[in-house]
């Protein structure tokens, strides 16, 4: 959460011992422990209140399916490439008329105006 490695934690503890002194260190450690307990109690209370307000639907949610760590992009691509293409219901209709071809530009005709394009 704070991105503190082991050495930085040791330096912070030593710095706390030097600044607070050995006689006040137990007092502040107890205050820190109480603060952590209060924060956990508040988080548990908020979680309980959320469950109470959302009702039984909250318990039915499978939270593991939303975990992004379960998705492997290589597996997803492999499965997409190995899936057979969807089969068509019948033969393709080759007798259908082709789409209209583009007309050549005629300078004597006004240019088509599209109000949404500007």
C-alpha atoms as a PDB file:
ATOM      1  CA  UNK A   1       0.000   0.000   0.000  1.00  0.00           C
ATOM      2  CA  UNK A   2       2.741   2.462   0.903  1.00  0.00           C
ATOM      3  CA  UNK A   3       5.445   0.751  -1.189  1.00  0.00           C
ATOM      4  CA  UNK A   4       7.816   0.387   1.764  1.00  0.00           C
ATOM      5  CA  UNK A   5      10.372  -2.385   1.552  1.00  0.00           C
ATOM      6  CA  UNK A   6      12.095  -4.087   4.496  1.00  0.00           C
ATOM      7  CA  UNK A   7      15.074  -1.746   4.732  1.00  0.00           C
ATOM      8  CA  UNK A   8      12.912   1.366   4.647  1.00  0.00           C
ATOM      9  CA  UNK A   9      10.728  -0.078   7.412  1.00  0.00           C
ATOM     10  CA  UNK A  10      13.796  -0.736   9.577  1.00  0.00           C
ATOM     11  CA  UNK A  11      15.020   2.830   8.999  1.00  0.00           C
ATOM     12  CA  UNK A  12      11.585   4.206   9.946  1.00  0.00           C
ATOM     13  CA  UNK A  13      11.522   2.133  13.143  1.00  0.00           C
ATOM     14  CA  UNK A  14      15.016   3.275  14.107  1.00  0.00           C
ATOM     15  CA  UNK A  15      14.079   6.869  13.337  1.00  0.00           C
ATOM     16  CA  UNK A  16      10.986   6.508  15.530  1.00  0.00           C
ATOM     17  CA  UNK A  17      13.106   5.143  18.385  1.00  0.00           C
ATOM     18  CA  UNK A  18      15.537   8.049  18.100  1.00  0.00           C
ATOM     19  CA  UNK A  19      12.856  10.748  17.849  1.00  0.00           C
ATOM     20  CA  UNK A  20      10.411   9.398  20.429  1.00  0.00           C
ATOM     21  CA  UNK A  21      12.931   7.947  22.804  1.00  0.00           C
ATOM     22  CA  UNK A  22      12.723   4.608  24.577  1.00  0.00           C
ATOM     23  CA  UNK A  23      10.545   5.921  27.414  1.00  0.00           C
ATOM     24  CA  UNK A  24       7.710   7.213  25.170  1.00  0.00           C
ATOM     25  CA  UNK A  25       7.894   4.507  22.509  1.00  0.00           C
ATOM     26  CA  UNK A  26       5.569   1.978  24.275  1.00  0.00           C
ATOM     27  CA  UNK A  27       2.964   4.695  24.800  1.00  0.00           C
ATOM     28  CA  UNK A  28       2.929   5.638  21.107  1.00  0.00           C
ATOM     29  CA  UNK A  29       2.979   1.986  20.043  1.00  0.00           C
ATOM     30  CA  UNK A  30      -0.152   1.401  22.156  1.00  0.00           C
ATOM     31  CA  UNK A  31      -1.810   4.464  20.578  1.00  0.00           C
ATOM     32  CA  UNK A  32      -0.956   3.139  17.128  1.00  0.00           C
ATOM     33  CA  UNK A  33      -2.417  -0.269  18.014  1.00  0.00           C
ATOM     34  CA  UNK A  34      -5.652   1.382  19.233  1.00  0.00           C
ATOM     35  CA  UNK A  35      -5.835   3.428  16.041  1.00  0.00           C
ATOM     36  CA  UNK A  36      -5.451   0.309  13.891  1.00  0.00           C
ATOM     37  CA  UNK A  37      -8.177  -1.475  15.895  1.00  0.00           C
ATOM     38  CA  UNK A  38     -10.520   1.496  15.488  1.00  0.00           C
ATOM     39  CA  UNK A  39      -9.879   1.652  11.744  1.00  0.00           C
ATOM     40  CA  UNK A  40     -10.577  -2.074  11.391  1.00  0.00           C
ATOM     41  CA  UNK A  41     -13.777  -1.724  13.415  1.00  0.00           C
ATOM     42  CA  UNK A  42     -14.891   1.170  11.204  1.00  0.00           C
ATOM     43  CA  UNK A  43     -14.142  -0.832   8.046  1.00  0.00           C
ATOM     44  CA  UNK A  44     -16.049  -3.851   9.378  1.00  0.00           C
ATOM     45  CA  UNK A  45     -18.979  -1.608  10.299  1.00  0.00           C
ATOM     46  CA  UNK A  46     -19.035  -0.066   6.840  1.00  0.00           C
ATOM     47  CA  UNK A  47     -18.868  -3.514   5.235  1.00  0.00           C
ATOM     48  CA  UNK A  48     -21.737  -4.742   7.421  1.00  0.00           C
ATOM     49  CA  UNK A  49     -23.818  -1.669   6.649  1.00  0.00           C
ATOM     50  CA  UNK A  50     -23.196  -2.155   2.930  1.00  0.00           C
ATOM     51  CA  UNK A  51     -24.261  -5.802   3.109  1.00  0.00           C
ATOM     52  CA  UNK A  52     -27.361  -4.798   5.063  1.00  0.00           C
ATOM     53  CA  UNK A  53     -28.337  -2.149   2.512  1.00  0.00           C
ATOM     54  CA  UNK A  54     -27.665  -4.277  -0.564  1.00  0.00           C
ATOM     55  CA  UNK A  55     -29.540  -7.252   0.794  1.00  0.00           C
ATOM     56  CA  UNK A  56     -29.149 -10.901  -0.177  1.00  0.00           C
ATOM     57  CA  UNK A  57     -28.089 -10.075  -3.751  1.00  0.00           C
ATOM     58  CA  UNK A  58     -24.716  -8.938  -2.431  1.00  0.00           C
ATOM     59  CA  UNK A  59     -23.985 -12.381  -1.002  1.00  0.00           C
ATOM     60  CA  UNK A  60     -24.832 -14.112  -4.289  1.00  0.00           C
ATOM     61  CA  UNK A  61     -22.208 -12.231  -6.307  1.00  0.00           C
ATOM     62  CA  UNK A  62     -19.279 -14.380  -7.384  1.00  0.00           C
ATOM     63  CA  UNK A  63     -16.413 -11.944  -6.830  1.00  0.00           C
ATOM     64  CA  UNK A  64     -13.805 -14.367  -8.221  1.00  0.00           C
ATOM     65  CA  UNK A  65     -15.112 -13.949 -11.738  1.00  0.00           C
ATOM     66  CA  UNK A  66     -14.190 -10.248 -11.597  1.00  0.00           C
ATOM     67  CA  UNK A  67     -10.590 -10.895 -10.530  1.00  0.00           C
ATOM     68  CA  UNK A  68      -8.349  -9.616 -13.364  1.00  0.00           C
ATOM     69  CA  UNK A  69      -5.520 -11.948 -12.339  1.00  0.00           C
ATOM     70  CA  UNK A  70      -7.398 -14.947 -13.724  1.00  0.00           C
ATOM     71  CA  UNK A  71      -7.293 -13.688 -17.310  1.00  0.00           C
ATOM     72  CA  UNK A  72      -4.325 -14.784 -19.399  1.00  0.00           C
ATOM     73  CA  UNK A  73      -4.191 -12.810 -22.657  1.00  0.00           C
ATOM     74  CA  UNK A  74      -2.276 -15.590 -24.417  1.00  0.00           C
ATOM     75  CA  UNK A  75      -4.984 -18.120 -23.547  1.00  0.00           C
ATOM     76  CA  UNK A  76      -7.765 -15.776 -24.665  1.00  0.00           C
ATOM     77  CA  UNK A  77      -6.093 -15.153 -28.039  1.00  0.00           C
ATOM     78  CA  UNK A  78      -5.335 -18.858 -28.500  1.00  0.00           C
ATOM     79  CA  UNK A  79      -8.961 -19.798 -27.811  1.00  0.00           C
ATOM     80  CA  UNK A  80     -10.210 -17.103 -30.179  1.00  0.00           C
ATOM     81  CA  UNK A  81      -7.941 -18.324 -32.964  1.00  0.00           C
ATOM     82  CA  UNK A  82      -8.781 -21.994 -32.463  1.00  0.00           C
ATOM     83  CA  UNK A  83     -12.558 -21.472 -32.435  1.00  0.00           C
ATOM     84  CA  UNK A  84     -14.098 -22.551 -35.739  1.00  0.00           C
ATOM     85  CA  UNK A  85     -15.737 -19.806 -37.711  1.00  0.00           C
ATOM     86  CA  UNK A  86     -19.528 -19.764 -37.411  1.00  0.00           C
ATOM     87  CA  UNK A  87     -21.185 -21.919 -40.068  1.00  0.00           C
ATOM     88  CA  UNK A  88     -23.554 -20.258 -42.484  1.00  0.00           C
ATOM     89  CA  UNK A  89     -27.135 -21.503 -42.762  1.00  0.00           C
ATOM     90  CA  UNK A  90     -27.090 -21.891 -46.520  1.00  0.00           C
ATOM     91  CA  UNK A  91     -25.121 -21.079 -49.641  1.00  0.00           C
ATOM     92  CA  UNK A  92     -24.220 -17.469 -50.170  1.00  0.00           C
ATOM     93  CA  UNK A  93     -26.520 -15.546 -52.500  1.00  0.00           C
ATOM     94  CA  UNK A  94     -24.257 -14.619 -55.404  1.00  0.00           C
ATOM     95  CA  UNK A  95     -27.091 -13.379 -57.614  1.00  0.00           C
ATOM     96  CA  UNK A  96     -27.830 -10.335 -55.462  1.00  0.00           C
ATOM     97  CA  UNK A  97     -27.208  -6.987 -57.118  1.00  0.00           C
ATOM     98  CA  UNK A  98     -23.943  -5.312 -56.287  1.00  0.00           C
ATOM     99  CA  UNK A  99     -23.853  -2.121 -54.319  1.00  0.00           C
ATOM    100  CA  UNK A 100     -24.113   1.013 -56.431  1.00  0.00           C
ATOM    101  CA  UNK A 101     -20.807   2.204 -57.764  1.00  0.00           C
ATOM    102  CA  UNK A 102     -19.430   5.614 -57.009  1.00  0.00           C
ATOM    103  CA  UNK A 103     -20.300   8.270 -59.556  1.00  0.00           C
ATOM    104  CA  UNK A 104     -17.698  10.462 -61.150  1.00  0.00           C
ATOM    105  CA  UNK A 105     -17.563  14.064 -59.982  1.00  0.00           C
ATOM    106  CA  UNK A 106     -19.596  16.364 -62.188  1.00  0.00           C
ATOM    107  CA  UNK A 107     -18.542  20.025 -61.817  1.00  0.00           C
ATOM    108  CA  UNK A 108     -21.871  21.262 -63.181  1.00  0.00           C
ATOM    109  CA  UNK A 109     -23.816  19.638 -60.323  1.00  0.00           C
ATOM    110  CA  UNK A 110     -23.911  21.263 -56.857  1.00  0.00           C
ATOM    111  CA  UNK A 111     -21.883  19.608 -54.162  1.00  0.00           C
ATOM    112  CA  UNK A 112     -24.017  17.605 -51.724  1.00  0.00           C
ATOM    113  CA  UNK A 113     -24.355  19.446 -48.420  1.00  0.00           C
ATOM    114  CA  UNK A 114     -24.317  17.639 -45.105  1.00  0.00           C
ATOM    115  CA  UNK A 115     -25.075  19.888 -42.126  1.00  0.00           C
ATOM    116  CA  UNK A 116     -23.895  17.247 -39.655  1.00  0.00           C
ATOM    117  CA  UNK A 117     -20.469  17.003 -41.301  1.00  0.00           C
ATOM    118  CA  UNK A 118     -19.486  20.597 -40.576  1.00  0.00           C
END
